[in-house]
């Protein structure tokens, strides 16, 4: 009990004494701090360098050593900005957020608004997903939800959740995802590029030239709740400014074959990464699972269960 209280107190001191005050600094000052952080990553604190290098080498085997080093360096540059922009997200104003997150095809909002069914927004840990979480409810005039896992630190989880929710989004724990689909008027954001918890309860598909374990949750939810599915692509136009394009993948998920929706989503993400690879989360252990030897049999069972339930 005492240890938990000390943990909460330490978290509160860090939040109120350092991180929150930093968030109120102007962008030029924050990006100067990002430059310093970038130097630390390159020299003194090479954050998850082994994981990053393994991911880059395996994904781009034709890259020379110099190209691999450059990509790691560019990733650290992106990561430094992302950390600073995530801190800024704690206090960024609605006006500033709308100015820095430009929706390149706003006409699609009317189309989405007319859909009389739940909508799943699929995106990824590419460019600034924190600002995407914050701005979602400012674009979509429906019940907005974001599905995710809670942080292990209770104080930080509570504070970050409240900051993410301040413009109208409701954060839902992944275990309680059904709460987000209680209404036909729901817009539900899922970041769908994390490694699945089990190599046997997922899909194995080609991704970035490698056979990869892919989370099946978005496709399952889309079929379970008869959702339209939209892909959200965030691209960086200049430092601290992003263009966002929203594209309808399918209005009726049940018209697609098993695994097809997941494949479409992967193709979109893969195209973005190939265009600008430095802005994806290479420090994540995306390929930590090994494909089961009996995957053909497992997949057959999963497919039959899926089709019995939804087809």
Protein backbone atom coordinates (compact mmCIF):
# COMPACT_ATOMS: atom_id res chain seq x y z
CA UNK A 1 0.00 0.00 0.00
CA UNK A 2 2.81 2.39 0.95
CA UNK A 3 4.75 1.58 -2.21
CA UNK A 4 1.68 2.35 -4.32
CA UNK A 5 1.21 5.70 -2.57
CA UNK A 6 4.86 6.58 -3.16
CA UNK A 7 4.49 5.62 -6.83
CA UNK A 8 1.44 7.87 -7.20
CA UNK A 9 3.18 10.74 -5.41
CA UNK A 10 6.27 10.44 -7.60
CA UNK A 11 4.08 10.42 -10.70
CA UNK A 12 2.20 13.51 -9.50
CA UNK A 13 5.42 15.40 -8.80
CA UNK A 14 6.76 14.59 -12.27
CA UNK A 15 3.47 15.51 -13.95
CA UNK A 16 2.75 18.77 -12.13
CA UNK A 17 6.35 19.78 -11.52
CA UNK A 18 7.83 19.16 -14.97
CA UNK A 19 5.73 17.66 -17.77
CA UNK A 20 2.58 19.78 -17.54
CA UNK A 21 4.51 23.08 -17.21
CA UNK A 22 6.61 22.07 -20.23
CA UNK A 23 3.44 21.62 -22.27
CA UNK A 24 2.64 25.34 -21.94
CA UNK A 25 5.91 26.42 -23.52
CA UNK A 26 5.71 27.79 -27.09
CA UNK A 27 6.54 25.48 -29.96
CA UNK A 28 9.92 27.05 -30.83
CA UNK A 29 11.17 26.39 -27.29
CA UNK A 30 9.77 22.86 -27.30
CA UNK A 31 11.44 22.04 -30.60
CA UNK A 32 14.74 23.32 -29.22
CA UNK A 33 14.28 20.79 -26.40
CA UNK A 34 13.50 18.18 -29.04
CA UNK A 35 16.82 18.95 -30.74
CA UNK A 36 18.60 18.33 -27.44
CA UNK A 37 16.70 15.09 -26.95
CA UNK A 38 17.67 14.01 -30.45
CA UNK A 39 21.34 14.52 -29.60
CA UNK A 40 20.89 12.38 -26.48
CA UNK A 41 19.29 9.59 -28.51
CA UNK A 42 22.10 9.68 -31.06
CA UNK A 43 24.92 9.71 -28.53
CA UNK A 44 24.32 9.11 -24.82
CA UNK A 45 20.92 7.35 -24.70
CA UNK A 46 20.48 5.24 -27.87
CA UNK A 47 16.89 4.30 -27.06
CA UNK A 48 16.14 0.65 -27.97
CA UNK A 49 18.90 0.73 -30.57
CA UNK A 50 19.14 -3.05 -30.83
CA UNK A 51 15.41 -3.46 -31.54
CA UNK A 52 15.43 -0.57 -34.04
CA UNK A 53 18.45 -1.90 -35.92
CA UNK A 54 17.04 -5.44 -36.05
CA UNK A 55 13.72 -4.18 -37.41
CA UNK A 56 15.32 -1.97 -40.03
CA UNK A 57 17.83 -4.59 -41.16
CA UNK A 58 15.15 -7.27 -41.49
CA UNK A 59 12.69 -4.98 -43.28
CA UNK A 60 15.19 -3.38 -45.65
CA UNK A 61 17.83 -6.09 -46.29
CA UNK A 62 19.05 -4.25 -49.40
CA UNK A 63 19.90 -1.11 -47.46
CA UNK A 64 23.59 -0.40 -47.08
CA UNK A 65 25.03 0.11 -43.60
CA UNK A 66 24.96 3.87 -44.22
CA UNK A 67 21.29 3.78 -45.23
CA UNK A 68 20.38 1.79 -42.14
CA UNK A 69 22.22 4.24 -39.89
CA UNK A 70 20.52 7.17 -41.62
CA UNK A 71 17.09 5.63 -41.13
CA UNK A 72 17.79 5.06 -37.44
CA UNK A 73 18.99 8.66 -37.13
CA UNK A 74 15.89 9.97 -38.92
CA UNK A 75 13.71 7.83 -36.66
CA UNK A 76 15.34 9.32 -33.57
CA UNK A 77 14.63 12.77 -34.99
CA UNK A 78 10.98 11.83 -35.44
CA UNK A 79 10.79 10.19 -32.00
CA UNK A 80 12.21 13.31 -30.33
CA UNK A 81 9.58 15.49 -31.97
CA UNK A 82 6.86 12.97 -31.16
CA UNK A 83 7.74 13.00 -27.44
CA UNK A 84 7.70 16.79 -27.36
CA UNK A 85 4.46 17.00 -29.35
CA UNK A 86 2.87 14.43 -27.03
CA UNK A 87 3.80 16.62 -24.07
CA UNK A 88 2.33 19.62 -25.87
CA UNK A 89 -0.84 17.59 -26.40
CA UNK A 90 -1.55 17.90 -22.67
CA UNK A 91 -2.45 21.58 -23.05
CA UNK A 92 -2.67 22.35 -26.76
CA UNK A 93 -5.69 24.50 -27.60
CA UNK A 94 -8.46 23.46 -29.97
CA UNK A 95 -7.46 26.25 -32.35
CA UNK A 96 -3.79 25.22 -32.43
CA UNK A 97 -4.68 21.56 -32.85
CA UNK A 98 -6.94 22.26 -35.82
CA UNK A 99 -4.26 24.45 -37.35
CA UNK A 100 -1.63 21.73 -37.11
CA UNK A 101 -3.82 18.75 -38.06
CA UNK A 102 -5.22 19.54 -41.49
CA UNK A 103 -7.97 17.30 -42.81
CA UNK A 104 -7.19 17.23 -46.53
CA UNK A 105 -10.60 15.85 -47.59
CA UNK A 106 -13.16 17.39 -45.18
CA UNK A 107 -16.00 16.61 -47.57
CA UNK A 108 -15.89 12.99 -46.39
CA UNK A 109 -17.19 14.03 -42.96
CA UNK A 110 -20.64 14.54 -44.45
CA UNK A 111 -20.56 11.06 -45.99
CA UNK A 112 -19.53 9.51 -42.68
CA UNK A 113 -22.16 11.51 -40.82
CA UNK A 114 -24.91 9.96 -42.94
CA UNK A 115 -23.90 6.39 -42.14
CA UNK A 116 -26.52 4.88 -39.87
CA UNK A 117 -24.13 2.39 -38.32
CA UNK A 118 -21.03 2.33 -36.13
CA UNK A 119 -17.78 3.35 -37.80
CA UNK A 120 -14.31 2.03 -37.03
CA UNK A 121 -11.40 4.37 -37.71
CA UNK A 122 -8.24 2.35 -38.33
CA UNK A 123 -4.90 4.07 -37.98
CA UNK A 124 -1.45 3.21 -36.67
CA UNK A 125 1.59 4.37 -34.74
CA UNK A 126 2.73 6.42 -37.69
CA UNK A 127 3.41 10.16 -37.39
CA UNK A 128 1.54 11.86 -34.54
CA UNK A 129 -1.21 9.51 -33.36
CA UNK A 130 -1.65 11.42 -30.07
CA UNK A 131 -2.90 14.51 -31.89
CA UNK A 132 -5.15 12.27 -33.99
CA UNK A 133 -6.71 10.89 -30.81
CA UNK A 134 -7.30 14.40 -29.52
CA UNK A 135 -8.78 15.88 -32.69
CA UNK A 136 -11.11 13.00 -33.59
CA UNK A 137 -14.11 14.36 -31.68
CA UNK A 138 -13.58 17.81 -33.19
CA UNK A 139 -14.13 16.35 -36.67
CA UNK A 140 -16.80 13.71 -36.16
CA UNK A 141 -20.03 14.93 -34.58
CA UNK A 142 -20.99 11.55 -33.18
CA UNK A 143 -20.15 9.52 -30.08
CA UNK A 144 -16.37 9.25 -30.29
CA UNK A 145 -14.34 6.49 -28.69
CA UNK A 146 -10.74 5.34 -28.70
CA UNK A 147 -9.82 1.78 -27.75
CA UNK A 148 -6.54 1.15 -25.95
CA UNK A 149 -4.69 -0.47 -23.09
CA UNK A 150 -4.29 1.41 -19.78
CA UNK A 151 -0.87 2.50 -18.58
CA UNK A 152 0.69 0.51 -15.75
CA UNK A 153 1.09 3.67 -13.66
CA UNK A 154 -2.38 4.54 -12.28
CA UNK A 155 -1.76 8.27 -11.86
CA UNK A 156 -0.37 8.73 -15.37
CA UNK A 157 -3.11 6.60 -16.85
CA UNK A 158 -5.76 8.78 -15.21
CA UNK A 159 -4.14 12.06 -16.23
CA UNK A 160 -3.38 11.10 -19.83
CA UNK A 161 -6.85 9.67 -20.26
CA UNK A 162 -8.44 12.90 -19.03
CA UNK A 163 -6.27 14.96 -21.40
CA UNK A 164 -7.16 12.72 -24.35
CA UNK A 165 -10.83 13.04 -23.52
CA UNK A 166 -11.04 16.81 -23.07
CA UNK A 167 -12.36 17.54 -26.58
CA UNK A 168 -15.09 14.89 -26.45
CA UNK A 169 -13.45 11.50 -27.02
CA UNK A 170 -14.12 8.67 -24.57
CA UNK A 171 -11.24 6.24 -23.92
CA UNK A 172 -12.36 2.61 -23.60
CA UNK A 173 -10.23 -0.23 -22.23
CA UNK A 174 -9.62 -2.92 -24.85
CA UNK A 175 -11.20 -5.54 -22.59
CA UNK A 176 -14.40 -3.47 -22.52
CA UNK A 177 -14.42 -2.63 -26.23
CA UNK A 178 -18.12 -3.56 -26.50
CA UNK A 179 -18.96 -0.38 -24.54
CA UNK A 180 -17.96 1.65 -27.61
CA UNK A 181 -20.54 -0.06 -29.84
CA UNK A 182 -23.70 0.36 -27.82
CA UNK A 183 -24.98 2.94 -30.27
CA UNK A 184 -25.22 3.11 -34.05
CA UNK A 185 -23.86 6.63 -33.65
CA UNK A 186 -20.34 5.55 -32.63
CA UNK A 187 -16.99 6.46 -34.16
CA UNK A 188 -14.32 4.15 -32.74
CA UNK A 189 -10.59 4.69 -33.25
CA UNK A 190 -8.24 1.69 -33.23
CA UNK A 191 -4.46 1.85 -33.68
CA UNK A 192 -4.03 -1.51 -35.35
CA UNK A 193 -0.29 -2.06 -35.83
CA UNK A 194 0.76 -3.43 -32.45
CA UNK A 195 1.94 -7.02 -32.11
CA UNK A 196 -0.90 -9.36 -31.08
CA UNK A 197 -0.80 -10.97 -27.65
CA UNK A 198 -0.77 -14.48 -29.11
CA UNK A 199 0.70 -15.84 -32.37
CA UNK A 200 -2.27 -18.24 -32.55
CA UNK A 201 -5.08 -15.69 -32.17
CA UNK A 202 -4.29 -13.39 -35.04
CA UNK A 203 -3.74 -13.42 -38.79
CA UNK A 204 -0.41 -14.15 -40.45
CA UNK A 205 -0.02 -12.00 -43.56
CA UNK A 206 2.75 -10.45 -45.62
CA UNK A 207 3.73 -7.03 -44.28
CA UNK A 208 6.80 -5.06 -45.34
CA UNK A 209 8.09 -8.13 -47.10
CA UNK A 210 7.87 -10.32 -44.03
CA UNK A 211 5.33 -12.83 -42.80
CA UNK A 212 3.86 -11.05 -39.79
CA UNK A 213 1.43 -11.67 -36.97
CA UNK A 214 -1.39 -9.16 -37.42
CA UNK A 215 -4.04 -8.11 -34.91
CA UNK A 216 -7.46 -9.36 -36.01
CA UNK A 217 -9.47 -7.23 -33.56
CA UNK A 218 -10.61 -4.48 -35.97
CA UNK A 219 -11.93 -6.99 -38.52
CA UNK A 220 -13.66 -9.00 -35.83
CA UNK A 221 -15.33 -5.90 -34.32
CA UNK A 222 -16.32 -4.61 -37.76
CA UNK A 223 -18.19 -7.84 -38.47
CA UNK A 224 -19.61 -8.30 -34.98
CA UNK A 225 -21.18 -4.83 -34.92
CA UNK A 226 -21.79 -4.41 -38.67
CA UNK A 227 -19.44 -1.42 -38.96
CA UNK A 228 -18.26 0.73 -41.78
CA UNK A 229 -14.46 0.90 -41.73
CA UNK A 230 -12.37 3.97 -42.50
CA UNK A 231 -8.61 4.21 -42.84
CA UNK A 232 -6.93 7.32 -41.47
CA UNK A 233 -3.55 8.23 -42.95
CA UNK A 234 -1.48 10.90 -41.20
CA UNK A 235 1.38 12.41 -43.19
CA UNK A 236 3.90 15.03 -42.14
CA UNK A 237 4.03 18.16 -44.34
CA UNK A 238 6.50 20.13 -42.21
CA UNK A 239 7.75 20.10 -38.66
CA UNK A 240 4.79 20.11 -36.30
CA UNK A 241 2.16 20.11 -39.07
CA UNK A 242 0.26 17.14 -40.47
CA UNK A 243 -2.08 16.35 -43.33
CA UNK A 244 -4.76 13.77 -42.59
CA UNK A 245 -6.64 11.84 -45.26
CA UNK A 246 -9.69 9.77 -44.41
CA UNK A 247 -10.67 6.97 -46.76
CA UNK A 248 -13.63 4.61 -46.57
CA UNK A 249 -12.35 1.03 -46.91
CA UNK A 250 -15.77 -0.60 -46.79
CA UNK A 251 -19.28 0.44 -45.73
CA UNK A 252 -20.45 -3.14 -45.20
CA UNK A 253 -17.72 -5.29 -43.68
CA UNK A 254 -19.70 -8.48 -44.16
CA UNK A 255 -19.29 -8.24 -47.94
CA UNK A 256 -15.57 -8.99 -47.59
CA UNK A 257 -13.99 -12.41 -47.30
CA UNK A 258 -12.26 -13.52 -44.13
CA UNK A 259 -8.96 -11.63 -43.72
CA UNK A 260 -9.61 -9.22 -46.59
CA UNK A 261 -10.28 -6.17 -44.39
CA UNK A 262 -7.06 -6.75 -42.47
CA UNK A 263 -5.15 -7.07 -45.75
CA UNK A 264 -6.58 -3.78 -47.06
CA UNK A 265 -5.60 -2.01 -43.86
CA UNK A 266 -2.06 -3.39 -44.06
CA UNK A 267 -1.65 -2.26 -47.65
CA UNK A 268 -2.48 1.31 -46.66
CA UNK A 269 -0.01 1.34 -43.80
CA UNK A 270 2.68 -0.37 -45.86
CA UNK A 271 2.39 2.29 -48.58
CA UNK A 272 2.80 5.06 -46.01
CA UNK A 273 5.83 3.45 -44.42
CA UNK A 274 7.52 2.86 -47.76
CA UNK A 275 6.99 6.52 -48.65
CA UNK A 276 8.53 7.80 -45.41
CA UNK A 277 9.85 4.93 -43.26
CA UNK A 278 11.41 7.08 -40.53
CA UNK A 279 8.02 8.06 -39.11
CA UNK A 280 6.86 4.62 -38.01
CA UNK A 281 7.52 3.19 -34.55
CA UNK A 282 10.58 1.06 -35.28
CA UNK A 283 11.36 0.78 -31.58
CA UNK A 284 8.33 -1.49 -31.13
CA UNK A 285 8.96 -5.25 -31.21
CA UNK A 286 6.59 -5.80 -34.08
CA UNK A 287 8.01 -9.20 -35.10
CA UNK A 288 8.51 -10.83 -31.74
CA UNK A 289 6.28 -13.84 -32.50
CA UNK A 290 7.13 -16.95 -34.48
CA UNK A 291 4.54 -18.43 -36.81
CA UNK A 292 3.16 -21.69 -35.33
CA UNK A 293 4.15 -24.81 -37.24
CA UNK A 294 0.49 -25.87 -37.36
CA UNK A 295 -0.73 -22.48 -38.54
CA UNK A 296 -2.65 -23.89 -41.53
CA UNK A 297 -4.79 -25.97 -39.20
CA UNK A 298 -5.21 -23.12 -36.69
CA UNK A 299 -6.21 -20.69 -39.41
CA UNK A 300 -8.75 -23.14 -40.82
CA UNK A 301 -10.40 -23.40 -37.41
CA UNK A 302 -10.39 -19.61 -36.94
CA UNK A 303 -11.85 -19.06 -40.39
CA UNK A 304 -14.60 -21.63 -39.86
CA UNK A 305 -15.51 -20.08 -36.50
CA UNK A 306 -15.56 -16.60 -38.06
CA UNK A 307 -17.76 -17.64 -40.98
CA UNK A 308 -20.14 -19.64 -38.78
CA UNK A 309 -20.61 -16.55 -36.62
CA UNK A 310 -20.77 -13.79 -39.23
CA UNK A 311 -21.58 -15.38 -42.60
